Amino acid sequence: MERGRVPWKLVGGAAGAAAALGAMALFNRSATERAERDHPPSGTFIRVGGVRLHYRDQGTGAPILLLHGNGATGADFVASGLVERLARSHRVIVPDRPGYGYSERPRGRIWSPQAQAELMLALMERLGADSPVVVGHSWGALVATSAALAAPGRIKGLLLLSGYYFPTARLDVPLLSGPAIPVLGDAMAYTVAPLLARAVLPALLRRIFQPMPIDARFKDEYPLALSLRPEQIRASAEETAYMIPAAAALSDRYRDLELPVVILAGEGDRIADVERQSGRLHKEIPTSALVIVPGAGHMIEYAATEAIARAAGALAQS
């Protein structure tokens, strides 16, 4: 290139890339507005610990707190029928964890399982829900366990579903953590990441439900479009990045749990290895019981709704 000449090809390429990113951002903004218009908040808002949380509070009786997994919202438990089933005889509280659904996830704070557990305990106190049974699915099981370790006298029992409890090498961590990277991750979350998520979502859903097909209730009732919003994608990426260190930090403390614990896992879970995770946790916790559900996968709340409800009810009465 001669000195002083403008590299028009590079300028044109940069302009084209900027235009493409701008178009992606506009598309994602429109998709977000449409998703929130089609699926407005169905619960109540409360400010706890400086965070505006969205939650559902249904039924009466002994309280049960349901904590959803990574990438989901509290609506997952609603679509599965678990909330309706439990609310027949219990008070069921179902928050959207920070960054999911309609709950805030303030920046400048690491939303570890311990930080989220502190928030959930504060929520229970504000709602007057004393001695709840805490049910955690997948990543939510880390939050549930952290709550029991932080405040053992305030939790009636733990019901852990399809959890990840011990650090292992996982391919999904480097693949899905990109939007969690400072600055660059924000750009990804608002441009290319939602489009990539749309492309891989069908295969991902098949995997988390395998060996069962994707449940019809999930297809019909779960507000999947909310999970494709940039801010929720970023929250999910952060939790994917935190998953291994979070499990490592907790793994030496499981033996300290002295409350009743029931561990449920699907025999065919393709996300969290049953023997290396749930089976090992059962061996670590003397007060635990382990139930392996034949034919079920990671989304055990759809495959074993009645069994989960019975186990939660038994813990509430213990």
C-alpha atoms as a PDB file:
ATOM      1  CA  MET A   1       0.000   0.000   0.000  1.00  0.00           C
ATOM      2  CA  GLU A   2       1.369   3.384  -0.955  1.00  0.00           C
ATOM      3  CA  ARG A   3       2.000   5.891   1.798  1.00  0.00           C
ATOM      4  CA  GLY A   4      -0.938   8.233   2.319  1.00  0.00           C
ATOM      5  CA  ARG A   5      -3.477   6.120   0.446  1.00  0.00           C
ATOM      6  CA  VAL A   6      -6.668   5.208   2.296  1.00  0.00           C
ATOM      7  CA  PRO A   7      -7.156   1.397   2.657  1.00  0.00           C
ATOM      8  CA  TRP A   8     -10.674   1.486   1.258  1.00  0.00           C
ATOM      9  CA  LYS A   9     -11.115  -2.289   1.349  1.00  0.00           C
ATOM     10  CA  LEU A  10     -10.410  -2.334   5.072  1.00  0.00           C
ATOM     11  CA  VAL A  11     -12.670   0.652   5.644  1.00  0.00           C
ATOM     12  CA  GLY A  12     -15.409  -0.997   3.634  1.00  0.00           C
ATOM     13  CA  GLY A  13     -15.013  -4.255   5.527  1.00  0.00           C
ATOM     14  CA  ALA A  14     -15.171  -2.498   8.881  1.00  0.00           C
ATOM     15  CA  ALA A  15     -18.228  -0.553   7.806  1.00  0.00           C
ATOM     16  CA  GLY A  16     -19.901  -3.737   6.636  1.00  0.00           C
ATOM     17  CA  ALA A  17     -19.151  -5.506   9.905  1.00  0.00           C
ATOM     18  CA  ALA A  18     -20.488  -2.557  11.902  1.00  0.00           C
ATOM     19  CA  ALA A  19     -23.651  -2.524   9.810  1.00  0.00           C
ATOM     20  CA  ALA A  20     -24.128  -6.276  10.343  1.00  0.00           C
ATOM     21  CA  LEU A  21     -23.674  -5.947  14.114  1.00  0.00           C
ATOM     22  CA  GLY A  22     -26.088  -3.025  14.164  1.00  0.00           C
ATOM     23  CA  ALA A  23     -28.675  -5.050  12.270  1.00  0.00           C
ATOM     24  CA  MET A  24     -28.262  -7.932  14.720  1.00  0.00           C
ATOM     25  CA  ALA A  25     -28.702  -5.602  17.688  1.00  0.00           C
ATOM     26  CA  LEU A  26     -31.878  -4.127  16.201  1.00  0.00           C
ATOM     27  CA  PHE A  27     -33.283  -7.574  15.466  1.00  0.00           C
ATOM     28  CA  ASN A  28     -32.543  -8.758  19.014  1.00  0.00           C
ATOM     29  CA  ARG A  29     -34.097  -5.644  20.516  1.00  0.00           C
ATOM     30  CA  SER A  30     -37.246  -6.203  18.475  1.00  0.00           C
ATOM     31  CA  ALA A  31     -37.306  -9.887  19.443  1.00  0.00           C
ATOM     32  CA  THR A  32     -36.929  -8.963  23.112  1.00  0.00           C
ATOM     33  CA  GLU A  33     -39.818  -6.506  22.963  1.00  0.00           C
ATOM     34  CA  ARG A  34     -41.971  -9.091  21.224  1.00  0.00           C
ATOM     35  CA  ALA A  35     -41.078 -11.795  23.766  1.00  0.00           C
ATOM     36  CA  GLU A  36     -41.938  -9.553  26.713  1.00  0.00           C
ATOM     37  CA  ARG A  37     -45.166  -8.443  25.050  1.00  0.00           C
ATOM     38  CA  ASP A  38     -46.181 -12.056  24.417  1.00  0.00           C
ATOM     39  CA  HIS A  39     -45.098 -13.251  27.879  1.00  0.00           C
ATOM     40  CA  PRO A  40     -45.677 -10.480  30.431  1.00  0.00           C
ATOM     41  CA  PRO A  41     -44.911 -10.960  34.150  1.00  0.00           C
ATOM     42  CA  SER A  42     -47.340 -13.362  35.773  1.00  0.00           C
ATOM     43  CA  GLY A  43     -46.222 -12.954  39.374  1.00  0.00           C
ATOM     44  CA  THR A  44     -45.330 -10.267  41.901  1.00  0.00           C
ATOM     45  CA  PHE A  45     -42.344  -7.961  42.273  1.00  0.00           C
ATOM     46  CA  ILE A  46     -40.422  -7.293  45.473  1.00  0.00           C
ATOM     47  CA  ARG A  47     -37.148  -5.523  46.199  1.00  0.00           C
ATOM     48  CA  VAL A  48     -34.806  -7.549  48.385  1.00  0.00           C
ATOM     49  CA  GLY A  49     -31.164  -6.771  49.050  1.00  0.00           C
ATOM     50  CA  GLY A  50     -31.192  -4.064  46.393  1.00  0.00           C
ATOM     51  CA  VAL A  51     -32.510  -6.480  43.748  1.00  0.00           C
ATOM     52  CA  ARG A  52     -35.946  -6.336  42.153  1.00  0.00           C
ATOM     53  CA  LEU A  53     -37.158  -9.937  42.090  1.00  0.00           C
ATOM     54  CA  HIS A  54     -40.111 -11.441  40.268  1.00  0.00           C
ATOM     55  CA  TYR A  55     -41.762 -14.394  41.998  1.00  0.00           C
ATOM     56  CA  ARG A  56     -44.924 -16.471  42.198  1.00  0.00           C
ATOM     57  CA  ASP A  57     -46.552 -17.271  45.539  1.00  0.00           C
ATOM     58  CA  GLN A  58     -49.295 -19.878  45.365  1.00  0.00           C
ATOM     59  CA  GLY A  59     -51.149 -22.107  47.835  1.00  0.00           C
ATOM     60  CA  THR A  60     -51.145 -22.318  51.627  1.00  0.00           C
ATOM     61  CA  GLY A  61     -49.427 -24.514  54.167  1.00  0.00           C
ATOM     62  CA  ALA A  62     -45.799 -25.399  54.846  1.00  0.00           C
ATOM     63  CA  PRO A  63     -43.586 -23.372  52.465  1.00  0.00           C
ATOM     64  CA  ILE A  64     -41.654 -24.881  49.568  1.00  0.00           C
ATOM     65  CA  LEU A  65     -39.133 -22.790  47.617  1.00  0.00           C
ATOM     66  CA  LEU A  66     -38.434 -23.833  44.005  1.00  0.00           C
ATOM     67  CA  LEU A  67     -35.145 -22.732  42.400  1.00  0.00           C
ATOM     68  CA  HIS A  68     -34.824 -23.198  38.640  1.00  0.00           C
ATOM     69  CA  GLY A  69     -31.744 -24.123  36.646  1.00  0.00           C
ATOM     70  CA  ASN A  70     -29.391 -22.269  34.322  1.00  0.00           C
ATOM     71  CA  GLY A  71     -31.050 -20.723  31.279  1.00  0.00           C
ATOM     72  CA  ALA A  72     -34.569 -21.268  32.611  1.00  0.00           C
ATOM     73  CA  THR A  73     -37.054 -19.235  34.667  1.00  0.00           C
ATOM     74  CA  GLY A  74     -39.501 -20.060  37.415  1.00  0.00           C
ATOM     75  CA  ALA A  75     -42.026 -20.747  34.646  1.00  0.00           C
ATOM     76  CA  ASP A  76     -40.294 -24.081  34.088  1.00  0.00           C
ATOM     77  CA  PHE A  77     -41.807 -25.418  37.308  1.00  0.00           C
ATOM     78  CA  VAL A  78     -45.185 -24.008  36.311  1.00  0.00           C
ATOM     79  CA  ALA A  79     -45.137 -25.640  32.864  1.00  0.00           C
ATOM     80  CA  SER A  80     -44.137 -29.003  34.341  1.00  0.00           C
ATOM     81  CA  GLY A  81     -47.207 -28.993  36.589  1.00  0.00           C
ATOM     82  CA  LEU A  82     -45.110 -29.159  39.758  1.00  0.00           C
ATOM     83  CA  VAL A  83     -46.322 -25.814  41.130  1.00  0.00           C
ATOM     84  CA  GLU A  84     -49.975 -26.722  40.706  1.00  0.00           C
ATOM     85  CA  ARG A  85     -49.412 -30.149  42.253  1.00  0.00           C
ATOM     86  CA  LEU A  86     -47.532 -28.826  45.292  1.00  0.00           C
ATOM     87  CA  ALA A  87     -49.906 -25.899  45.835  1.00  0.00           C
ATOM     88  CA  ARG A  88     -52.731 -28.300  46.664  1.00  0.00           C
ATOM     89  CA  SER A  89     -51.314 -28.665  50.165  1.00  0.00           C
ATOM     90  CA  HIS A  90     -48.350 -26.281  50.465  1.00  0.00           C
ATOM     91  CA  ARG A  91     -47.359 -22.675  49.989  1.00  0.00           C
ATOM     92  CA  VAL A  92     -45.155 -22.676  46.896  1.00  0.00           C
ATOM     93  CA  ILE A  93     -42.770 -19.778  46.228  1.00  0.00           C
ATOM     94  CA  VAL A  94     -41.141 -19.687  42.793  1.00  0.00           C
ATOM     95  CA  PRO A  95     -38.729 -16.819  42.116  1.00  0.00           C
ATOM     96  CA  ASP A  96     -36.970 -16.006  38.891  1.00  0.00           C
ATOM     97  CA  ARG A  97     -33.344 -16.102  40.000  1.00  0.00           C
ATOM     98  CA  PRO A  98     -31.290 -12.945  39.326  1.00  0.00           C
ATOM     99  CA  GLY A  99     -31.026 -12.215  35.612  1.00  0.00           C
ATOM    100  CA  TYR A 100     -33.758 -14.635  34.574  1.00  0.00           C
ATOM    101  CA  GLY A 101     -37.363 -14.006  33.671  1.00  0.00           C
ATOM    102  CA  TYR A 102     -38.227 -10.618  35.114  1.00  0.00           C
ATOM    103  CA  SER A 103     -35.709 -10.499  37.979  1.00  0.00           C
ATOM    104  CA  GLU A 104     -32.829  -8.025  37.934  1.00  0.00           C
ATOM    105  CA  ARG A 105     -29.170  -9.060  37.969  1.00  0.00           C
ATOM    106  CA  PRO A 106     -27.219  -5.960  39.020  1.00  0.00           C
ATOM    107  CA  ARG A 107     -23.762  -5.624  37.523  1.00  0.00           C
ATOM    108  CA  GLY A 108     -20.635  -5.316  39.634  1.00  0.00           C
ATOM    109  CA  ARG A 109     -21.449  -8.340  41.764  1.00  0.00           C
ATOM    110  CA  ILE A 110     -20.490 -11.988  41.273  1.00  0.00           C
ATOM    111  CA  TRP A 111     -23.741 -13.909  41.416  1.00  0.00           C
ATOM    112  CA  SER A 112     -22.288 -17.071  42.888  1.00  0.00           C
ATOM    113  CA  PRO A 113     -24.496 -19.750  44.446  1.00  0.00           C
ATOM    114  CA  GLN A 114     -23.645 -18.264  47.850  1.00  0.00           C
ATOM    115  CA  ALA A 115     -24.705 -14.749  46.800  1.00  0.00           C
ATOM    116  CA  GLN A 116     -27.960 -16.059  45.355  1.00  0.00           C
ATOM    117  CA  ALA A 117     -28.599 -18.201  48.428  1.00  0.00           C
ATOM    118  CA  GLU A 118     -28.264 -15.107  50.623  1.00  0.00           C
ATOM    119  CA  LEU A 119     -30.816 -13.341  48.428  1.00  0.00           C
ATOM    120  CA  MET A 120     -33.243 -16.273  48.521  1.00  0.00           C
ATOM    121  CA  LEU A 121     -32.992 -16.504  52.311  1.00  0.00           C
ATOM    122  CA  ALA A 122     -33.749 -12.782  52.533  1.00  0.00           C
ATOM    123  CA  LEU A 123     -36.737 -13.286  50.228  1.00  0.00           C
ATOM    124  CA  MET A 124     -38.118 -16.047  52.460  1.00  0.00           C
ATOM    125  CA  GLU A 125     -37.717 -13.833  55.503  1.00  0.00           C
ATOM    126  CA  ARG A 126     -39.518 -10.933  53.813  1.00  0.00           C
ATOM    127  CA  LEU A 127     -42.372 -13.213  52.790  1.00  0.00           C
ATOM    128  CA  GLY A 128     -42.683 -14.775  56.238  1.00  0.00           C
ATOM    129  CA  ALA A 129     -41.966 -18.237  54.847  1.00  0.00           C
ATOM    130  CA  ASP A 130     -40.225 -19.874  57.802  1.00  0.00           C
ATOM    131  CA  SER A 131     -38.411 -23.230  57.583  1.00  0.00           C
ATOM    132  CA  PRO A 132     -39.039 -23.896  53.898  1.00  0.00           C
ATOM    133  CA  VAL A 133     -38.206 -27.035  52.008  1.00  0.00           C
ATOM    134  CA  VAL A 134     -35.839 -25.856  49.271  1.00  0.00           C
ATOM    135  CA  VAL A 135     -35.998 -27.570  45.902  1.00  0.00           C
ATOM    136  CA  GLY A 136     -33.180 -26.860  43.449  1.00  0.00           C
ATOM    137  CA  HIS A 137     -32.978 -28.074  39.863  1.00  0.00           C
ATOM    138  CA  SER A 138     -29.618 -28.269  38.047  1.00  0.00           C
ATOM    139  CA  TRP A 139     -27.701 -24.993  38.772  1.00  0.00           C
ATOM    140  CA  GLY A 140     -30.436 -24.173  41.276  1.00  0.00           C
ATOM    141  CA  ALA A 141     -29.278 -27.167  43.324  1.00  0.00           C
ATOM    142  CA  LEU A 142     -26.014 -25.301  44.002  1.00  0.00           C
ATOM    143  CA  VAL A 143     -28.034 -22.354  45.306  1.00  0.00           C
ATOM    144  CA  ALA A 144     -30.237 -24.608  47.424  1.00  0.00           C
ATOM    145  CA  THR A 145     -27.226 -26.368  48.942  1.00  0.00           C
ATOM    146  CA  SER A 146     -25.516 -23.036  49.618  1.00  0.00           C
ATOM    147  CA  ALA A 147     -28.618 -21.812  51.464  1.00  0.00           C
ATOM    148  CA  ALA A 148     -28.646 -24.882  53.703  1.00  0.00           C
ATOM    149  CA  LEU A 149     -24.940 -24.480  54.470  1.00  0.00           C
ATOM    150  CA  ALA A 150     -25.328 -20.767  55.197  1.00  0.00           C
ATOM    151  CA  ALA A 151     -28.377 -21.087  57.431  1.00  0.00           C
ATOM    152  CA  PRO A 152     -28.827 -24.709  58.520  1.00  0.00           C
ATOM    153  CA  GLY A 153     -31.399 -23.871  61.156  1.00  0.00           C
ATOM    154  CA  ARG A 154     -33.668 -22.050  58.714  1.00  0.00           C
ATOM    155  CA  ILE A 155     -34.115 -24.798  56.106  1.00  0.00           C
ATOM    156  CA  LYS A 156     -36.470 -27.715  56.723  1.00  0.00           C
ATOM    157  CA  GLY A 157     -34.998 -29.977  54.077  1.00  0.00           C
ATOM    158  CA  LEU A 158     -33.342 -30.118  50.676  1.00  0.00           C
ATOM    159  CA  LEU A 159     -34.673 -31.712  47.504  1.00  0.00           C
ATOM    160  CA  LEU A 160     -31.971 -31.675  44.823  1.00  0.00           C
ATOM    161  CA  LEU A 161     -32.862 -32.447  41.209  1.00  0.00           C
ATOM    162  CA  SER A 162     -30.434 -33.277  38.377  1.00  0.00           C
ATOM    163  CA  GLY A 163     -27.658 -31.367  40.088  1.00  0.00           C
ATOM    164  CA  TYR A 164     -24.006 -30.701  39.343  1.00  0.00           C
ATOM    165  CA  TYR A 165     -22.069 -30.913  42.610  1.00  0.00           C
ATOM    166  CA  PHE A 166     -18.434 -31.838  41.902  1.00  0.00           C
ATOM    167  CA  PRO A 167     -15.990 -30.212  39.455  1.00  0.00           C
ATOM    168  CA  THR A 168     -15.407 -32.069  36.190  1.00  0.00           C
ATOM    169  CA  ALA A 169     -14.093 -31.104  32.772  1.00  0.00           C
ATOM    170  CA  ARG A 170     -17.004 -29.874  30.624  1.00  0.00           C
ATOM    171  CA  LEU A 171     -16.999 -28.896  26.968  1.00  0.00           C
ATOM    172  CA  ASP A 172     -20.016 -26.619  27.374  1.00  0.00           C
ATOM    173  CA  VAL A 173     -18.106 -24.240  29.662  1.00  0.00           C
ATOM    174  CA  PRO A 174     -15.722 -22.807  27.032  1.00  0.00           C
ATOM    175  CA  LEU A 175     -18.376 -23.023  24.322  1.00  0.00           C
ATOM    176  CA  LEU A 176     -21.122 -21.144  26.165  1.00  0.00           C
ATOM    177  CA  SER A 177     -19.264 -18.732  28.468  1.00  0.00           C
ATOM    178  CA  GLY A 178     -18.390 -16.097  25.839  1.00  0.00           C
ATOM    179  CA  PRO A 179     -21.101 -13.561  26.749  1.00  0.00           C
ATOM    180  CA  ALA A 180     -19.752 -13.517  30.313  1.00  0.00           C
ATOM    181  CA  ILE A 181     -16.462 -11.917  29.228  1.00  0.00           C
ATOM    182  CA  PRO A 182     -16.327  -8.239  30.286  1.00  0.00           C
ATOM    183  CA  VAL A 183     -16.936  -5.729  27.465  1.00  0.00           C
ATOM    184  CA  LEU A 184     -16.570  -8.216  24.602  1.00  0.00           C
ATOM    185  CA  GLY A 185     -19.216 -10.425  26.176  1.00  0.00           C
ATOM    186  CA  ASP A 186     -21.675  -7.542  26.269  1.00  0.00           C
ATOM    187  CA  ALA A 187     -21.175  -6.974  22.549  1.00  0.00           C
ATOM    188  CA  MET A 188     -21.730 -10.675  21.912  1.00  0.00           C
ATOM    189  CA  ALA A 189     -24.841 -10.806  24.123  1.00  0.00           C
ATOM    190  CA  TYR A 190     -26.566  -8.023  22.206  1.00  0.00           C
ATOM    191  CA  THR A 191     -25.561  -9.095  18.700  1.00  0.00           C
ATOM    192  CA  VAL A 192     -24.460 -12.557  17.657  1.00  0.00           C
ATOM    193  CA  ALA A 193     -25.144 -14.639  20.817  1.00  0.00           C
ATOM    194  CA  PRO A 194     -28.990 -14.607  20.628  1.00  0.00           C
ATOM    195  CA  LEU A 195     -28.842 -15.624  16.963  1.00  0.00           C
ATOM    196  CA  LEU A 196     -26.446 -18.475  17.730  1.00  0.00           C
ATOM    197  CA  ALA A 197     -28.688 -19.521  20.618  1.00  0.00           C
ATOM    198  CA  ARG A 198     -31.664 -19.726  18.279  1.00  0.00           C
ATOM    199  CA  ALA A 199     -29.659 -21.934  15.943  1.00  0.00           C
ATOM    200  CA  VAL A 200     -28.487 -24.433  18.579  1.00  0.00           C
ATOM    201  CA  LEU A 201     -31.619 -24.385  20.752  1.00  0.00           C
ATOM    202  CA  PRO A 202     -33.470 -27.298  19.076  1.00  0.00           C
ATOM    203  CA  ALA A 203     -30.505 -29.638  19.576  1.00  0.00           C
ATOM    204  CA  LEU A 204     -29.955 -28.391  23.131  1.00  0.00           C
ATOM    205  CA  LEU A 205     -33.581 -28.998  24.090  1.00  0.00           C
ATOM    206  CA  ARG A 206     -33.464 -32.518  22.682  1.00  0.00           C
ATOM    207  CA  ARG A 207     -30.349 -33.195  24.736  1.00  0.00           C
ATOM    208  CA  ILE A 208     -31.677 -31.923  28.066  1.00  0.00           C
ATOM    209  CA  PHE A 209     -34.879 -33.965  27.695  1.00  0.00           C
ATOM    210  CA  GLN A 210     -33.222 -37.157  26.384  1.00  0.00           C
ATOM    211  CA  PRO A 211     -33.868 -40.049  26.586  1.00  0.00           C
ATOM    212  CA  MET A 212     -37.452 -38.746  26.612  1.00  0.00           C
ATOM    213  CA  PRO A 213     -38.844 -36.517  23.857  1.00  0.00           C
ATOM    214  CA  ILE A 214     -39.316 -32.822  24.543  1.00  0.00           C
ATOM    215  CA  ASP A 215     -42.356 -32.668  26.780  1.00  0.00           C
ATOM    216  CA  ALA A 216     -45.543 -31.285  25.219  1.00  0.00           C
ATOM    217  CA  ARG A 217     -46.187 -29.143  28.296  1.00  0.00           C
ATOM    218  CA  PHE A 218     -42.832 -27.463  27.816  1.00  0.00           C
ATOM    219  CA  LYS A 219     -43.550 -26.798  24.149  1.00  0.00           C
ATOM    220  CA  ASP A 220     -46.991 -25.387  24.865  1.00  0.00           C
ATOM    221  CA  GLU A 221     -46.477 -23.437  28.082  1.00  0.00           C
ATOM    222  CA  TYR A 222     -42.855 -22.487  28.681  1.00  0.00           C
ATOM    223  CA  PRO A 223     -42.003 -18.922  27.488  1.00  0.00           C
ATOM    224  CA  LEU A 224     -38.896 -19.972  25.580  1.00  0.00           C
ATOM    225  CA  ALA A 225     -38.528 -16.599  23.851  1.00  0.00           C
ATOM    226  CA  LEU A 226     -37.657 -14.962  27.186  1.00  0.00           C
ATOM    227  CA  SER A 227     -34.560 -17.165  27.397  1.00  0.00           C
ATOM    228  CA  LEU A 228     -33.231 -15.687  24.141  1.00  0.00           C
ATOM    229  CA  ARG A 229     -33.039 -12.106  25.396  1.00  0.00           C
ATOM    230  CA  PRO A 230     -29.509 -10.676  25.608  1.00  0.00           C
ATOM    231  CA  GLU A 231     -29.519 -10.056  29.352  1.00  0.00           C
ATOM    232  CA  GLN A 232     -30.696 -13.568  30.140  1.00  0.00           C
ATOM    233  CA  ILE A 233     -28.129 -15.047  27.761  1.00  0.00           C
ATOM    234  CA  ARG A 234     -25.441 -13.104  29.621  1.00  0.00           C
ATOM    235  CA  ALA A 235     -26.719 -14.363  32.982  1.00  0.00           C
ATOM    236  CA  SER A 236     -26.688 -17.925  31.686  1.00  0.00           C
ATOM    237  CA  ALA A 237     -23.141 -17.513  30.340  1.00  0.00           C
ATOM    238  CA  GLU A 238     -21.956 -16.199  33.706  1.00  0.00           C
ATOM    239  CA  GLU A 239     -23.425 -19.187  35.497  1.00  0.00           C
ATOM    240  CA  THR A 240     -21.858 -21.562  32.991  1.00  0.00           C
ATOM    241  CA  ALA A 241     -18.484 -19.918  33.655  1.00  0.00           C
ATOM    242  CA  TYR A 242     -18.998 -20.099  37.446  1.00  0.00           C
ATOM    243  CA  MET A 243     -20.215 -23.718  37.461  1.00  0.00           C
ATOM    244  CA  ILE A 244     -16.938 -25.611  37.906  1.00  0.00           C
ATOM    245  CA  PRO A 245     -15.373 -23.262  40.499  1.00  0.00           C
ATOM    246  CA  ALA A 246     -18.694 -23.067  42.352  1.00  0.00           C
ATOM    247  CA  ALA A 247     -18.893 -26.851  42.618  1.00  0.00           C
ATOM    248  CA  ALA A 248     -15.247 -26.994  43.690  1.00  0.00           C
ATOM    249  CA  ALA A 249     -15.849 -24.445  46.456  1.00  0.00           C
ATOM    250  CA  LEU A 250     -18.825 -26.379  47.830  1.00  0.00           C
ATOM    251  CA  SER A 251     -17.609 -29.945  47.390  1.00  0.00           C
ATOM    252  CA  ASP A 252     -15.630 -30.063  50.661  1.00  0.00           C
ATOM    253  CA  ARG A 253     -18.598 -28.847  52.698  1.00  0.00           C
ATOM    254  CA  TYR A 254     -21.339 -31.313  51.792  1.00  0.00           C
ATOM    255  CA  ARG A 255     -20.545 -33.477  54.812  1.00  0.00           C
ATOM    256  CA  ASP A 256     -21.521 -30.536  57.028  1.00  0.00           C
ATOM    257  CA  LEU A 257     -25.149 -30.854  55.969  1.00  0.00           C
ATOM    258  CA  GLU A 258     -27.183 -32.374  58.784  1.00  0.00           C
ATOM    259  CA  LEU A 259     -30.719 -31.734  57.571  1.00  0.00           C
ATOM    260  CA  PRO A 260     -32.808 -34.236  55.555  1.00  0.00           C
ATOM    261  CA  VAL A 261     -31.717 -34.326  51.905  1.00  0.00           C
ATOM    262  CA  VAL A 262     -33.371 -36.139  49.006  1.00  0.00           C
ATOM    263  CA  ILE A 263     -31.429 -36.404  45.750  1.00  0.00           C
ATOM    264  CA  LEU A 264     -33.316 -37.189  42.536  1.00  0.00           C
ATOM    265  CA  ALA A 265     -31.697 -37.831  39.170  1.00  0.00           C
ATOM    266  CA  GLY A 266     -32.790 -39.179  35.824  1.00  0.00           C
ATOM    267  CA  GLU A 267     -31.112 -42.416  34.854  1.00  0.00           C
ATOM    268  CA  GLY A 268     -30.453 -41.117  31.331  1.00  0.00           C
ATOM    269  CA  ASP A 269     -29.286 -37.587  32.221  1.00  0.00           C
ATOM    270  CA  ARG A 270     -26.948 -36.353  29.424  1.00  0.00           C
ATOM    271  CA  ILE A 271     -26.040 -33.107  31.226  1.00  0.00           C
ATOM    272  CA  ALA A 272     -24.955 -34.154  34.731  1.00  0.00           C
ATOM    273  CA  ASP A 273     -23.465 -37.627  35.037  1.00  0.00           C
ATOM    274  CA  VAL A 274     -25.641 -39.476  37.536  1.00  0.00           C
ATOM    275  CA  GLU A 275     -22.990 -41.597  39.231  1.00  0.00           C
ATOM    276  CA  ARG A 276     -20.268 -38.920  39.338  1.00  0.00           C
ATOM    277  CA  GLN A 277     -22.658 -36.239  40.595  1.00  0.00           C
ATOM    278  CA  SER A 278     -25.822 -37.424  42.364  1.00  0.00           C
ATOM    279  CA  GLY A 279     -24.414 -40.824  43.310  1.00  0.00           C
ATOM    280  CA  ARG A 280     -21.273 -39.313  44.783  1.00  0.00           C
ATOM    281  CA  LEU A 281     -23.229 -36.627  46.646  1.00  0.00           C
ATOM    282  CA  HIS A 282     -25.363 -39.311  48.281  1.00  0.00           C
ATOM    283  CA  LYS A 283     -22.206 -40.961  49.597  1.00  0.00           C
ATOM    284  CA  GLU A 284     -20.964 -37.625  50.961  1.00  0.00           C
ATOM    285  CA  ILE A 285     -24.136 -36.710  52.901  1.00  0.00           C
ATOM    286  CA  PRO A 286     -25.062 -39.175  55.663  1.00  0.00           C
ATOM    287  CA  THR A 287     -28.598 -37.778  55.976  1.00  0.00           C
ATOM    288  CA  SER A 288     -29.423 -38.151  52.269  1.00  0.00           C
ATOM    289  CA  ALA A 289     -31.609 -40.489  50.245  1.00  0.00           C
ATOM    290  CA  LEU A 290     -31.001 -41.108  46.540  1.00  0.00           C
ATOM    291  CA  VAL A 291     -33.710 -41.815  43.971  1.00  0.00           C
ATOM    292  CA  ILE A 292     -32.768 -42.644  40.371  1.00  0.00           C
ATOM    293  CA  VAL A 293     -35.718 -42.314  37.997  1.00  0.00           C
ATOM    294  CA  PRO A 294     -35.652 -44.847  35.136  1.00  0.00           C
ATOM    295  CA  GLY A 295     -36.185 -43.437  31.652  1.00  0.00           C
ATOM    296  CA  ALA A 296     -35.810 -39.829  32.779  1.00  0.00           C
ATOM    297  CA  GLY A 297     -33.244 -37.250  31.693  1.00  0.00           C
ATOM    298  CA  HIS A 298     -32.049 -33.908  32.989  1.00  0.00           C
ATOM    299  CA  MET A 299     -35.520 -32.341  32.929  1.00  0.00           C
ATOM    300  CA  ILE A 300     -36.722 -34.640  35.649  1.00  0.00           C
ATOM    301  CA  GLU A 301     -39.445 -32.233  36.773  1.00  0.00           C
ATOM    302  CA  TYR A 302     -41.442 -33.278  33.693  1.00  0.00           C
ATOM    303  CA  ALA A 303     -40.682 -36.992  33.912  1.00  0.00           C
ATOM    304  CA  ALA A 304     -41.248 -37.430  37.645  1.00  0.00           C
ATOM    305  CA  THR A 305     -43.559 -34.611  38.725  1.00  0.00           C
ATOM    306  CA  GLU A 306     -45.541 -36.760  41.140  1.00  0.00           C
ATOM    307  CA  ALA A 307     -42.443 -38.343  42.704  1.00  0.00           C
ATOM    308  CA  ILE A 308     -40.916 -34.899  43.263  1.00  0.00           C
ATOM    309  CA  ALA A 309     -44.136 -33.617  44.835  1.00  0.00           C
ATOM    310  CA  ARG A 310     -44.296 -36.588  47.190  1.00  0.00           C
ATOM    311  CA  ALA A 311     -40.659 -36.177  48.201  1.00  0.00           C
ATOM    312  CA  ALA A 312     -41.135 -32.437  48.864  1.00  0.00           C
ATOM    313  CA  GLY A 313     -44.248 -33.149  50.884  1.00  0.00           C
ATOM    314  CA  ALA A 314     -42.471 -35.763  52.978  1.00  0.00           C
ATOM    315  CA  LEU A 315     -39.627 -33.343  53.717  1.00  0.00           C
ATOM    316  CA  ALA A 316     -42.126 -30.668  54.752  1.00  0.00           C
ATOM    317  CA  GLN A 317     -43.678 -33.067  57.246  1.00  0.00           C
ATOM    318  CA  SER A 318     -40.387 -34.388  58.632  1.00  0.00           C
END
